[in-house]
Amino acid sequence: MSNASRIVKANPDELPADIVELATALSRIPDEYRERIEPILARVVESTKRRRRILNLVQDALSQLRLDMKYLMFDLEATRRERDDYRRKVEEA
């Protein structure tokens, strides 16, 4: 089994279908050509996995930021209500 096939079969869910198809096609070509192309495919696979990890990290960070913003907005509204209540009490006294 070729190096490219092992890379692709390790985590096929992480790779786009085009890369899986390319690796499959690469496994069918003669060894002399495949040996020259496999390192290139391995770099493409690694960069694709790295981009996917980075994208997941960015999505997680954005989700956390959205949640933090909701908490901040809630806190701001509560602070404004407290301020308004305090002003009313001061004006009434």
Protein backbone atom coordinates (compact mmCIF):
# COMPACT_ATOMS: atom_id res chain seq x y z
CA MET A 1 0.00 0.00 0.00
CA SER A 2 1.38 3.43 -0.87
CA ASN A 3 2.20 6.23 1.56
CA ALA A 4 -0.53 8.42 0.03
CA SER A 5 -3.13 5.71 0.52
CA ARG A 6 -2.20 5.35 4.18
CA ILE A 7 -2.50 9.08 4.67
CA VAL A 8 -5.89 9.23 3.01
CA LYS A 9 -7.29 6.13 4.71
CA ALA A 10 -6.18 7.35 8.14
CA ASN A 11 -8.82 10.11 8.32
CA PRO A 12 -10.95 10.22 5.18
CA ASP A 13 -13.57 12.43 6.89
CA GLU A 14 -11.03 15.21 7.28
CA LEU A 15 -10.10 15.36 3.62
CA PRO A 16 -12.06 16.75 0.70
CA ALA A 17 -13.33 14.20 -1.80
CA ASP A 18 -11.02 15.61 -4.50
CA ILE A 19 -7.92 14.79 -2.49
CA VAL A 20 -9.19 11.28 -1.72
CA GLU A 21 -9.91 10.79 -5.41
CA LEU A 22 -6.45 12.08 -6.31
CA ALA A 23 -4.81 9.67 -3.87
CA THR A 24 -6.80 6.80 -5.30
CA ALA A 25 -5.74 7.74 -8.81
CA LEU A 26 -2.14 8.09 -7.64
CA SER A 27 -2.17 4.55 -6.27
CA ARG A 28 -2.88 3.28 -9.79
CA ILE A 29 0.05 4.88 -11.60
CA PRO A 30 3.46 3.19 -12.02
CA ASP A 31 5.79 3.22 -9.02
CA GLU A 32 8.45 5.43 -10.63
CA TYR A 33 5.96 8.29 -11.06
CA ARG A 34 4.10 7.67 -7.84
CA GLU A 35 7.31 7.95 -5.77
CA ARG A 36 7.87 11.44 -7.15
CA ILE A 37 4.27 12.56 -6.63
CA GLU A 38 3.55 11.02 -3.19
CA PRO A 39 5.61 13.57 -1.20
CA ILE A 40 3.75 16.39 -2.92
CA LEU A 41 0.40 14.79 -2.12
CA ALA A 42 1.53 14.25 1.48
CA ARG A 43 2.29 18.00 1.77
CA VAL A 44 -1.12 18.85 0.30
CA VAL A 45 -2.84 16.47 2.73
CA GLU A 46 -0.96 17.93 5.71
CA SER A 47 -1.70 21.51 4.70
CA THR A 48 -5.37 20.61 4.21
CA LYS A 49 -5.52 19.05 7.68
CA ARG A 50 -3.74 22.07 9.15
CA ARG A 51 -6.21 24.46 7.49
CA ARG A 52 -9.12 22.40 8.79
CA ARG A 53 -7.70 22.53 12.34
CA ILE A 54 -7.19 26.29 12.05
CA LEU A 55 -10.72 26.74 10.73
CA ASN A 56 -12.10 24.74 13.66
CA LEU A 57 -10.11 26.86 16.11
CA VAL A 58 -11.39 30.06 14.53
CA GLN A 59 -14.98 28.79 14.59
CA ASP A 60 -14.63 27.84 18.27
CA ALA A 61 -13.16 31.26 19.06
CA LEU A 62 -16.01 33.00 17.24
CA SER A 63 -18.57 30.93 19.12
CA GLN A 64 -16.92 31.84 22.41
CA LEU A 65 -16.82 35.50 21.39
CA ARG A 66 -20.55 35.45 20.57
CA LEU A 67 -21.31 33.90 23.95
CA ASP A 68 -19.09 36.45 25.72
CA MET A 69 -20.86 39.26 23.87
CA LYS A 70 -24.25 37.96 25.01
CA TYR A 71 -23.04 37.90 28.61
CA LEU A 72 -21.63 41.42 28.25
CA MET A 73 -24.88 42.73 26.78
CA PHE A 74 -26.84 41.12 29.59
CA ASP A 75 -24.48 42.64 32.15
CA LEU A 76 -24.71 46.07 30.48
CA GLU A 77 -28.51 46.00 30.52
CA ALA A 78 -28.55 44.92 34.17
CA THR A 79 -26.12 47.71 35.05
CA ARG A 80 -28.27 50.26 33.21
CA ARG A 81 -31.39 49.08 35.05
CA GLU A 82 -29.57 49.34 38.37
CA ARG A 83 -28.37 52.83 37.48
CA ASP A 84 -31.86 53.95 36.49
CA ASP A 85 -33.36 52.50 39.68
CA TYR A 86 -30.73 54.26 41.76
CA ARG A 87 -31.39 57.59 39.97
CA ARG A 88 -35.11 57.27 40.63
CA LYS A 89 -34.52 56.59 44.30
CA VAL A 90 -32.15 59.56 44.57
CA GLU A 91 -34.61 61.89 42.78
CA GLU A 92 -37.50 60.73 44.99
CA ALA A 93 -35.56 61.36 48.18
